[in-house]
Amino acid sequence: MQKLRILNTREIKVIRELLIKQFGSALHENYAYLQTEKDRLFLVNRDIAQIDLDKLKIDRLGLYFAELRPSQIRLSKEGAQLLVNEARRQKADLKNVLSLTKLETRAYFAGVDLKRDLGEENRLVILTYEEAVVGCAAYKEGKLINFLPKIHRGEVIL
């Protein structure tokens, strides 16, 4: 059983600033953020945040959105999809979004790290194929490091 902690306004502001710094956009403010002991972030409706979570035995709650690190936030596949969809609705310009080819997408879903030259700066990028959001990967030393969970891996029909 996980210990979930509801984040306060200041902590949410830090998350929003990290999202804007990394990707150029943040989520709409109608979500409550829950954080686990392993710094994983889950999104829930604000009404659920009014419940005293200490009195409940909960294994999971909400949408797994991201993993919080001291200087960055690594989005889950679903978190990347949500961020991109909200940015498109708000007509916001996203940054660090990389479009993959058909072969690269197949390799990504097979769990392979992709070789790409995106410059010197190490950073997190959102991966897309055509209009679909594929996930989030870390760019480091000419390579996109694959974070796709095994449950999402396999043959992709494109």
N, C-alpha and C. Protein backbone atom coordinates (compact mmCIF):
# COMPACT_ATOMS: atom_id res chain seq x y z
N MET A 1 0.83 -1.18 0.00
CA MET A 1 0.00 0.00 0.00
C MET A 1 0.89 1.25 0.00
N GLN A 2 0.57 2.17 -0.91
CA GLN A 2 1.35 3.39 -1.03
C GLN A 2 0.86 4.47 -0.08
N LYS A 3 1.78 5.27 0.35
CA LYS A 3 1.44 6.45 1.16
C LYS A 3 1.37 7.63 0.19
N LEU A 4 0.17 8.20 0.04
CA LEU A 4 -0.04 9.31 -0.87
C LEU A 4 -0.15 10.61 -0.08
N ARG A 5 0.47 11.65 -0.63
CA ARG A 5 0.45 12.96 0.01
C ARG A 5 -0.10 13.97 -0.98
N ILE A 6 -1.07 14.75 -0.57
CA ILE A 6 -1.64 15.79 -1.42
C ILE A 6 -0.70 16.98 -1.42
N LEU A 7 -0.33 17.45 -2.61
CA LEU A 7 0.60 18.57 -2.72
C LEU A 7 -0.13 19.90 -2.51
N ASN A 8 0.57 20.82 -1.88
CA ASN A 8 -0.01 22.14 -1.66
C ASN A 8 0.23 23.05 -2.86
N THR A 9 -0.29 24.25 -2.80
CA THR A 9 -0.23 25.19 -3.92
C THR A 9 1.20 25.53 -4.32
N ARG A 10 2.08 25.71 -3.34
CA ARG A 10 3.48 26.04 -3.65
C ARG A 10 4.17 24.89 -4.38
N GLU A 11 3.91 23.67 -3.95
CA GLU A 11 4.52 22.50 -4.60
C GLU A 11 3.99 22.33 -6.02
N ILE A 12 2.70 22.59 -6.22
CA ILE A 12 2.12 22.50 -7.55
C ILE A 12 2.71 23.59 -8.45
N LYS A 13 2.96 24.75 -7.89
CA LYS A 13 3.58 25.85 -8.66
C LYS A 13 4.96 25.43 -9.16
N VAL A 14 5.74 24.74 -8.35
CA VAL A 14 7.07 24.25 -8.76
C VAL A 14 6.93 23.26 -9.91
N ILE A 15 5.96 22.37 -9.82
CA ILE A 15 5.73 21.38 -10.88
C ILE A 15 5.35 22.09 -12.18
N ARG A 16 4.44 23.06 -12.08
CA ARG A 16 4.03 23.81 -13.27
C ARG A 16 5.21 24.55 -13.89
N GLU A 17 6.07 25.14 -13.06
CA GLU A 17 7.25 25.85 -13.57
C GLU A 17 8.21 24.89 -14.26
N LEU A 18 8.39 23.68 -13.70
CA LEU A 18 9.24 22.68 -14.35
C LEU A 18 8.67 22.27 -15.70
N LEU A 19 7.36 22.06 -15.76
CA LEU A 19 6.72 21.68 -17.03
C LEU A 19 6.89 22.78 -18.08
N ILE A 20 6.70 24.01 -17.68
CA ILE A 20 6.86 25.13 -18.62
C ILE A 20 8.31 25.26 -19.06
N LYS A 21 9.24 25.10 -18.13
CA LYS A 21 10.67 25.19 -18.47
C LYS A 21 11.07 24.07 -19.45
N GLN A 22 10.60 22.86 -19.20
CA GLN A 22 10.99 21.71 -20.02
C GLN A 22 10.22 21.61 -21.34
N PHE A 23 8.90 21.85 -21.27
CA PHE A 23 8.06 21.57 -22.44
C PHE A 23 7.29 22.77 -22.98
N GLY A 24 7.37 23.91 -22.30
CA GLY A 24 6.73 25.12 -22.80
C GLY A 24 5.26 25.24 -22.44
N SER A 25 4.71 24.31 -21.69
CA SER A 25 3.30 24.34 -21.32
C SER A 25 3.10 23.57 -20.02
N ALA A 26 2.02 23.89 -19.32
CA ALA A 26 1.68 23.17 -18.09
C ALA A 26 0.22 22.75 -18.18
N LEU A 27 -0.19 21.92 -17.26
CA LEU A 27 -1.57 21.46 -17.22
C LEU A 27 -2.50 22.54 -16.70
N HIS A 28 -3.75 22.42 -17.07
CA HIS A 28 -4.80 23.28 -16.53
C HIS A 28 -4.84 23.08 -15.01
N GLU A 29 -5.23 24.05 -14.28
CA GLU A 29 -5.12 24.01 -12.82
C GLU A 29 -6.24 23.25 -12.12
N ASN A 30 -7.08 22.52 -12.80
CA ASN A 30 -8.21 21.84 -12.16
C ASN A 30 -7.87 20.47 -11.62
N TYR A 31 -6.62 20.16 -11.44
CA TYR A 31 -6.22 18.86 -10.92
C TYR A 31 -5.62 19.01 -9.53
N ALA A 32 -5.78 17.97 -8.73
CA ALA A 32 -5.05 17.87 -7.48
C ALA A 32 -3.91 16.89 -7.73
N TYR A 33 -2.77 17.13 -7.14
CA TYR A 33 -1.60 16.30 -7.34
C TYR A 33 -1.33 15.49 -6.08
N LEU A 34 -1.12 14.19 -6.26
CA LEU A 34 -0.76 13.30 -5.17
C LEU A 34 0.65 12.82 -5.42
N GLN A 35 1.47 12.72 -4.38
CA GLN A 35 2.85 12.29 -4.52
C GLN A 35 3.09 11.07 -3.63
N THR A 36 3.77 10.05 -4.19
CA THR A 36 4.12 8.86 -3.43
C THR A 36 5.46 9.07 -2.75
N GLU A 37 5.85 8.10 -1.95
CA GLU A 37 7.15 8.16 -1.27
C GLU A 37 8.30 8.06 -2.27
N LYS A 38 8.04 7.49 -3.46
CA LYS A 38 9.06 7.36 -4.50
C LYS A 38 9.00 8.51 -5.50
N ASP A 39 8.36 9.62 -5.12
CA ASP A 39 8.26 10.84 -5.92
C ASP A 39 7.52 10.66 -7.23
N ARG A 40 6.57 9.75 -7.26
CA ARG A 40 5.70 9.62 -8.43
C ARG A 40 4.48 10.50 -8.21
N LEU A 41 4.06 11.16 -9.28
CA LEU A 41 2.92 12.07 -9.21
C LEU A 41 1.70 11.46 -9.87
N PHE A 42 0.57 11.58 -9.19
CA PHE A 42 -0.71 11.12 -9.72
C PHE A 42 -1.65 12.32 -9.76
N LEU A 43 -2.51 12.36 -10.77
CA LEU A 43 -3.49 13.43 -10.90
C LEU A 43 -4.86 12.89 -10.53
N VAL A 44 -5.60 13.68 -9.78
CA VAL A 44 -6.98 13.35 -9.43
C VAL A 44 -7.82 14.61 -9.53
N ASN A 45 -9.12 14.41 -9.53
CA ASN A 45 -10.06 15.51 -9.49
C ASN A 45 -9.91 16.21 -8.15
N ARG A 46 -10.06 17.50 -8.11
CA ARG A 46 -9.90 18.27 -6.87
C ARG A 46 -10.88 17.83 -5.77
N ASP A 47 -12.04 17.32 -6.15
CA ASP A 47 -13.02 16.87 -5.15
C ASP A 47 -12.49 15.70 -4.34
N ILE A 48 -11.73 14.82 -4.97
CA ILE A 48 -11.16 13.66 -4.28
C ILE A 48 -10.12 14.11 -3.26
N ALA A 49 -9.46 15.20 -3.54
CA ALA A 49 -8.41 15.69 -2.63
C ALA A 49 -8.99 16.15 -1.29
N GLN A 50 -10.30 16.32 -1.20
CA GLN A 50 -10.92 16.74 0.05
C GLN A 50 -11.06 15.58 1.04
N ILE A 51 -10.87 14.35 0.57
CA ILE A 51 -11.01 13.16 1.40
C ILE A 51 -9.74 12.96 2.23
N ASP A 52 -9.90 12.52 3.45
CA ASP A 52 -8.75 12.22 4.31
C ASP A 52 -8.17 10.87 3.89
N LEU A 53 -7.08 10.88 3.15
CA LEU A 53 -6.51 9.65 2.59
C LEU A 53 -5.90 8.74 3.65
N ASP A 54 -5.57 9.28 4.81
CA ASP A 54 -4.98 8.47 5.87
C ASP A 54 -5.98 7.45 6.44
N LYS A 55 -7.26 7.73 6.30
CA LYS A 55 -8.28 6.83 6.83
C LYS A 55 -8.67 5.73 5.85
N LEU A 56 -8.15 5.80 4.63
CA LEU A 56 -8.48 4.81 3.60
C LEU A 56 -7.29 3.93 3.28
N LYS A 57 -7.56 2.70 2.91
CA LYS A 57 -6.52 1.80 2.42
C LYS A 57 -6.62 1.79 0.90
N ILE A 58 -5.71 2.53 0.28
CA ILE A 58 -5.75 2.71 -1.17
C ILE A 58 -4.46 2.21 -1.78
N ASP A 59 -4.59 1.41 -2.82
CA ASP A 59 -3.42 0.95 -3.53
C ASP A 59 -3.02 1.96 -4.60
N ARG A 60 -4.00 2.40 -5.38
CA ARG A 60 -3.74 3.40 -6.42
C ARG A 60 -4.90 4.36 -6.50
N LEU A 61 -4.59 5.58 -6.92
CA LEU A 61 -5.61 6.59 -7.05
C LEU A 61 -5.20 7.56 -8.14
N GLY A 62 -6.04 7.76 -9.12
CA GLY A 62 -5.79 8.75 -10.15
C GLY A 62 -4.95 8.24 -11.31
N LEU A 63 -4.49 9.17 -12.11
CA LEU A 63 -3.69 8.90 -13.30
C LEU A 63 -2.22 9.10 -12.97
N TYR A 64 -1.40 8.07 -13.26
CA TYR A 64 0.05 8.22 -13.06
C TYR A 64 0.53 9.22 -14.10
N PHE A 65 1.00 10.36 -13.63
CA PHE A 65 1.34 11.48 -14.50
C PHE A 65 2.84 11.60 -14.76
N ALA A 66 3.65 11.51 -13.72
CA ALA A 66 5.07 11.78 -13.89
C ALA A 66 5.86 11.32 -12.67
N GLU A 67 7.17 11.37 -12.85
CA GLU A 67 8.10 11.14 -11.75
C GLU A 67 8.85 12.44 -11.52
N LEU A 68 8.83 12.90 -10.28
CA LEU A 68 9.44 14.18 -9.94
C LEU A 68 10.88 13.96 -9.50
N ARG A 69 11.78 14.70 -10.15
CA ARG A 69 13.19 14.68 -9.79
C ARG A 69 13.56 16.10 -9.34
N PRO A 70 14.72 16.27 -8.68
CA PRO A 70 15.05 17.61 -8.16
C PRO A 70 15.02 18.72 -9.20
N SER A 71 15.50 18.48 -10.41
CA SER A 71 15.57 19.56 -11.39
C SER A 71 14.76 19.30 -12.65
N GLN A 72 13.99 18.22 -12.66
CA GLN A 72 13.18 17.93 -13.84
C GLN A 72 12.00 17.04 -13.48
N ILE A 73 11.08 16.92 -14.43
CA ILE A 73 9.92 16.08 -14.25
C ILE A 73 9.82 15.17 -15.47
N ARG A 74 9.81 13.85 -15.23
CA ARG A 74 9.76 12.88 -16.32
C ARG A 74 8.32 12.38 -16.46
N LEU A 75 7.71 12.70 -17.58
CA LEU A 75 6.32 12.36 -17.82
C LEU A 75 6.14 10.88 -18.12
N SER A 76 5.01 10.33 -17.67
CA SER A 76 4.62 8.99 -18.08
C SER A 76 4.06 9.09 -19.50
N LYS A 77 3.79 7.95 -20.11
CA LYS A 77 3.19 7.95 -21.45
C LYS A 77 1.86 8.71 -21.41
N GLU A 78 1.03 8.39 -20.42
CA GLU A 78 -0.27 9.04 -20.30
C GLU A 78 -0.12 10.51 -19.92
N GLY A 79 0.88 10.83 -19.11
CA GLY A 79 1.14 12.22 -18.74
C GLY A 79 1.54 13.05 -19.95
N ALA A 80 2.37 12.48 -20.81
CA ALA A 80 2.78 13.18 -22.03
C ALA A 80 1.57 13.41 -22.94
N GLN A 81 0.71 12.40 -23.05
CA GLN A 81 -0.49 12.54 -23.87
C GLN A 81 -1.40 13.64 -23.33
N LEU A 82 -1.60 13.66 -22.03
CA LEU A 82 -2.45 14.67 -21.41
C LEU A 82 -1.88 16.07 -21.61
N LEU A 83 -0.58 16.24 -21.40
CA LEU A 83 0.05 17.55 -21.55
C LEU A 83 -0.07 18.05 -22.99
N VAL A 84 0.21 17.19 -23.96
CA VAL A 84 0.13 17.58 -25.37
C VAL A 84 -1.31 17.91 -25.75
N ASN A 85 -2.27 17.10 -25.32
CA ASN A 85 -3.67 17.37 -25.66
C ASN A 85 -4.15 18.69 -25.08
N GLU A 86 -3.79 18.98 -23.83
CA GLU A 86 -4.18 20.26 -23.23
C GLU A 86 -3.49 21.44 -23.92
N ALA A 87 -2.22 21.26 -24.29
CA ALA A 87 -1.50 22.33 -24.98
C ALA A 87 -2.13 22.60 -26.35
N ARG A 88 -2.54 21.54 -27.04
CA ARG A 88 -3.20 21.72 -28.34
C ARG A 88 -4.53 22.44 -28.17
N ARG A 89 -5.30 22.08 -27.14
CA ARG A 89 -6.58 22.74 -26.89
C ARG A 89 -6.39 24.22 -26.58
N GLN A 90 -5.33 24.54 -25.84
CA GLN A 90 -5.04 25.92 -25.46
C GLN A 90 -4.26 26.65 -26.55
N LYS A 91 -3.91 25.92 -27.62
CA LYS A 91 -3.11 26.46 -28.72
C LYS A 91 -1.77 27.00 -28.23
N ALA A 92 -1.18 26.31 -27.28
CA ALA A 92 0.12 26.69 -26.73
C ALA A 92 1.23 26.02 -27.54
N ASP A 93 2.35 26.69 -27.64
CA ASP A 93 3.50 26.13 -28.34
C ASP A 93 4.30 25.25 -27.39
N LEU A 94 4.46 24.01 -27.77
CA LEU A 94 5.27 23.07 -26.99
C LEU A 94 6.69 23.08 -27.49
N LYS A 95 7.62 22.77 -26.61
CA LYS A 95 9.00 22.61 -27.02
C LYS A 95 9.47 21.23 -26.58
N ASN A 96 10.59 20.80 -27.12
CA ASN A 96 11.16 19.48 -26.85
C ASN A 96 10.19 18.36 -27.23
N VAL A 97 9.54 18.54 -28.37
CA VAL A 97 8.68 17.51 -28.94
C VAL A 97 9.38 17.01 -30.19
N LEU A 98 9.56 15.70 -30.27
CA LEU A 98 10.30 15.09 -31.37
C LEU A 98 9.40 14.12 -32.12
N SER A 99 9.33 14.29 -33.42
CA SER A 99 8.52 13.41 -34.26
C SER A 99 9.38 12.23 -34.72
N LEU A 100 8.84 11.03 -34.54
CA LEU A 100 9.56 9.81 -34.93
C LEU A 100 9.07 9.31 -36.29
N THR A 101 9.96 8.60 -36.98
CA THR A 101 9.56 7.95 -38.22
C THR A 101 8.86 6.63 -37.87
N LYS A 102 8.33 5.99 -38.88
CA LYS A 102 7.64 4.71 -38.68
C LYS A 102 8.60 3.65 -38.12
N LEU A 103 9.81 3.57 -38.66
CA LEU A 103 10.80 2.60 -38.18
C LEU A 103 11.25 2.90 -36.76
N GLU A 104 11.45 4.19 -36.46
CA GLU A 104 11.85 4.57 -35.10
C GLU A 104 10.74 4.25 -34.09
N THR A 105 9.50 4.45 -34.49
CA THR A 105 8.37 4.15 -33.60
C THR A 105 8.30 2.66 -33.31
N ARG A 106 8.49 1.86 -34.32
CA ARG A 106 8.50 0.40 -34.12
C ARG A 106 9.63 -0.01 -33.18
N ALA A 107 10.81 0.58 -33.38
CA ALA A 107 11.95 0.26 -32.51
C ALA A 107 11.70 0.74 -31.09
N TYR A 108 11.08 1.90 -30.94
CA TYR A 108 10.77 2.43 -29.61
C TYR A 108 9.83 1.48 -28.86
N PHE A 109 8.79 1.00 -29.54
CA PHE A 109 7.84 0.09 -28.91
C PHE A 109 8.44 -1.29 -28.67
N ALA A 110 9.56 -1.59 -29.30
CA ALA A 110 10.27 -2.84 -29.03
C ALA A 110 11.21 -2.68 -27.83
N GLY A 111 11.34 -1.46 -27.31
CA GLY A 111 12.17 -1.23 -26.14
C GLY A 111 13.59 -0.80 -26.45
N VAL A 112 13.86 -0.41 -27.68
CA VAL A 112 15.20 -0.05 -28.13
C VAL A 112 15.46 1.43 -27.88
N ASP A 113 16.69 1.76 -27.43
CA ASP A 113 17.12 3.15 -27.34
C ASP A 113 17.43 3.63 -28.75
N LEU A 114 17.00 4.84 -29.09
CA LEU A 114 17.16 5.36 -30.45
C LEU A 114 18.34 6.32 -30.52
N LYS A 115 19.09 6.23 -31.62
CA LYS A 115 20.20 7.16 -31.83
C LYS A 115 19.68 8.34 -32.63
N ARG A 116 19.90 9.53 -32.08
CA ARG A 116 19.49 10.77 -32.71
C ARG A 116 20.45 11.86 -32.27
N ASP A 117 20.75 12.79 -33.14
CA ASP A 117 21.59 13.92 -32.77
C ASP A 117 20.70 15.13 -32.57
N LEU A 118 20.49 15.51 -31.32
CA LEU A 118 19.66 16.66 -30.98
C LEU A 118 20.48 17.77 -30.33
N GLY A 119 21.78 17.71 -30.51
CA GLY A 119 22.65 18.73 -29.92
C GLY A 119 23.34 18.25 -28.67
N GLU A 120 23.96 19.17 -27.97
CA GLU A 120 24.77 18.86 -26.80
C GLU A 120 23.95 18.73 -25.51
N GLU A 121 22.85 19.46 -25.42
CA GLU A 121 22.09 19.55 -24.17
C GLU A 121 21.33 18.26 -23.86
N ASN A 122 21.54 17.73 -22.66
CA ASN A 122 20.76 16.60 -22.20
C ASN A 122 19.41 17.11 -21.71
N ARG A 123 18.32 16.42 -22.11
CA ARG A 123 16.99 16.88 -21.73
C ARG A 123 15.96 15.78 -21.94
N LEU A 124 14.77 16.02 -21.46
CA LEU A 124 13.66 15.11 -21.70
C LEU A 124 12.88 15.62 -22.89
N VAL A 125 12.40 14.69 -23.72
CA VAL A 125 11.63 15.05 -24.91
C VAL A 125 10.36 14.22 -24.96
N ILE A 126 9.32 14.82 -25.54
CA ILE A 126 8.08 14.11 -25.80
C ILE A 126 8.17 13.55 -27.20
N LEU A 127 7.86 12.27 -27.36
CA LEU A 127 7.95 11.60 -28.65
C LEU A 127 6.56 11.48 -29.28
N THR A 128 6.49 11.79 -30.57
CA THR A 128 5.23 11.66 -31.30
C THR A 128 5.46 10.88 -32.59
N TYR A 129 4.40 10.28 -33.07
CA TYR A 129 4.39 9.67 -34.40
C TYR A 129 3.14 10.19 -35.08
N GLU A 130 3.32 10.92 -36.18
CA GLU A 130 2.24 11.64 -36.83
C GLU A 130 1.58 12.53 -35.79
N GLU A 131 0.31 12.37 -35.45
CA GLU A 131 -0.34 13.21 -34.45
C GLU A 131 -0.43 12.53 -33.08
N ALA A 132 -0.04 11.27 -32.99
CA ALA A 132 -0.16 10.51 -31.74
C ALA A 132 1.06 10.71 -30.85
N VAL A 133 0.82 10.84 -29.56
CA VAL A 133 1.90 10.97 -28.58
C VAL A 133 2.31 9.55 -28.18
N VAL A 134 3.61 9.26 -28.31
CA VAL A 134 4.14 7.92 -28.04
C VAL A 134 4.64 7.81 -26.60
N GLY A 135 5.23 8.87 -26.07
CA GLY A 135 5.75 8.82 -24.71
C GLY A 135 6.76 9.91 -24.46
N CYS A 136 7.57 9.69 -23.44
CA CYS A 136 8.60 10.64 -23.03
C CYS A 136 9.92 9.88 -22.93
N ALA A 137 10.99 10.48 -23.42
CA ALA A 137 12.31 9.84 -23.38
C ALA A 137 13.35 10.86 -22.97
N ALA A 138 14.46 10.37 -22.45
CA ALA A 138 15.57 11.23 -22.08
C ALA A 138 16.58 11.24 -23.23
N TYR A 139 17.02 12.44 -23.62
CA TYR A 139 18.07 12.55 -24.62
C TYR A 139 19.38 12.76 -23.89
N LYS A 140 20.34 11.89 -24.18
CA LYS A 140 21.65 11.98 -23.53
C LYS A 140 22.70 11.41 -24.47
N GLU A 141 23.72 12.21 -24.76
CA GLU A 141 24.87 11.78 -25.55
C GLU A 141 24.48 11.12 -26.87
N GLY A 142 23.60 11.76 -27.62
CA GLY A 142 23.22 11.28 -28.94
C GLY A 142 22.27 10.10 -28.94
N LYS A 143 21.63 9.86 -27.82
CA LYS A 143 20.74 8.71 -27.72
C LYS A 143 19.47 9.08 -26.97
N LEU A 144 18.33 8.55 -27.46
CA LEU A 144 17.06 8.69 -26.76
C LEU A 144 16.87 7.45 -25.89
N ILE A 145 16.89 7.64 -24.59
CA ILE A 145 16.78 6.52 -23.66
C ILE A 145 15.31 6.18 -23.47
N ASN A 146 14.97 4.93 -23.74
CA ASN A 146 13.60 4.46 -23.74
C ASN A 146 13.10 4.20 -22.31
N PHE A 147 12.01 4.87 -21.92
CA PHE A 147 11.40 4.67 -20.60
C PHE A 147 10.07 3.95 -20.70
N LEU A 148 9.72 3.45 -21.88
CA LEU A 148 8.42 2.82 -22.07
C LEU A 148 8.33 1.55 -21.23
N PRO A 149 7.31 1.46 -20.36
CA PRO A 149 7.19 0.26 -19.53
C PRO A 149 6.95 -1.00 -20.37
N LYS A 150 7.37 -2.13 -19.85
CA LYS A 150 7.25 -3.38 -20.60
C LYS A 150 5.81 -3.70 -20.96
N ILE A 151 4.88 -3.29 -20.14
CA ILE A 151 3.48 -3.56 -20.42
C ILE A 151 3.00 -2.89 -21.71
N HIS A 152 3.63 -1.78 -22.10
CA HIS A 152 3.28 -1.07 -23.32
C HIS A 152 4.11 -1.51 -24.53
N ARG A 153 5.10 -2.33 -24.32
CA ARG A 153 5.98 -2.73 -25.42
C ARG A 153 5.38 -3.86 -26.24
N GLY A 154 5.88 -4.02 -27.44
CA GLY A 154 5.44 -5.11 -28.30
C GLY A 154 5.38 -4.67 -29.74
N GLU A 155 4.76 -5.50 -30.54
CA GLU A 155 4.59 -5.20 -31.95
C GLU A 155 3.60 -4.06 -32.11
N VAL A 156 3.95 -3.12 -32.95
CA VAL A 156 3.07 -1.98 -33.20
C VAL A 156 2.54 -2.12 -34.62
N ILE A 157 1.26 -1.95 -34.77
CA ILE A 157 0.67 -1.97 -36.09
C ILE A 157 0.55 -0.52 -36.54
N LEU A 158 1.35 -0.17 -37.54
CA LEU A 158 1.32 1.21 -38.05
C LEU A 158 0.79 1.23 -39.45
